[in-house]
């Protein structure tokens, strides 16, 4: 029982350490990547541009201009780091399989987050900055929760034994 507690607390400590250190080191590059992809997707005829400080300037044709600040918490980085900690220190199984499952889940989470940011900005360009805030706070938050859970479930699904592996498990185990 004591060994199980030590292992559990060690895994918790390592997950927390990876998340905190990773967040400090990667929050800038991850936001820059997500902003660049969002701008490439939306390419609104020069009506959107990246400005210093991890922000996007929007110049809608029929609305007032506005600025979108992509904060560290708007990024998918926190979810990715949490999945990395779980895959690295909590999930059982071969390391290669855990890392492959994590990588696939991370790609899913990043793509969904980029879609969330792009949708929020599109709403702002189309309907105005006030609607962007409303969309971001309600729809965007629910979508972020949903795709983070989906990424976690997808990672667990990829960790499940394949049909042949299940056939090799003796009955009664």
Foldseek 3Di string as FASTA:
>chain_A
DVVVVVLVVVLVVQLVVQLVVCLVVCLVVQLVVLVVVLCVVCVPVPQWDDDPQSKIWGRAPPEHIDIGHCGSVLGLSNLLSNLVSCLPRPDDDDNVLSVVLSVVLSVQLRVQSSVLVNVLVVCCNVPNPVVSVVCCVPVVVVSNVVSSVVSNVSSVVSVDDDPVVVVPDDPPD
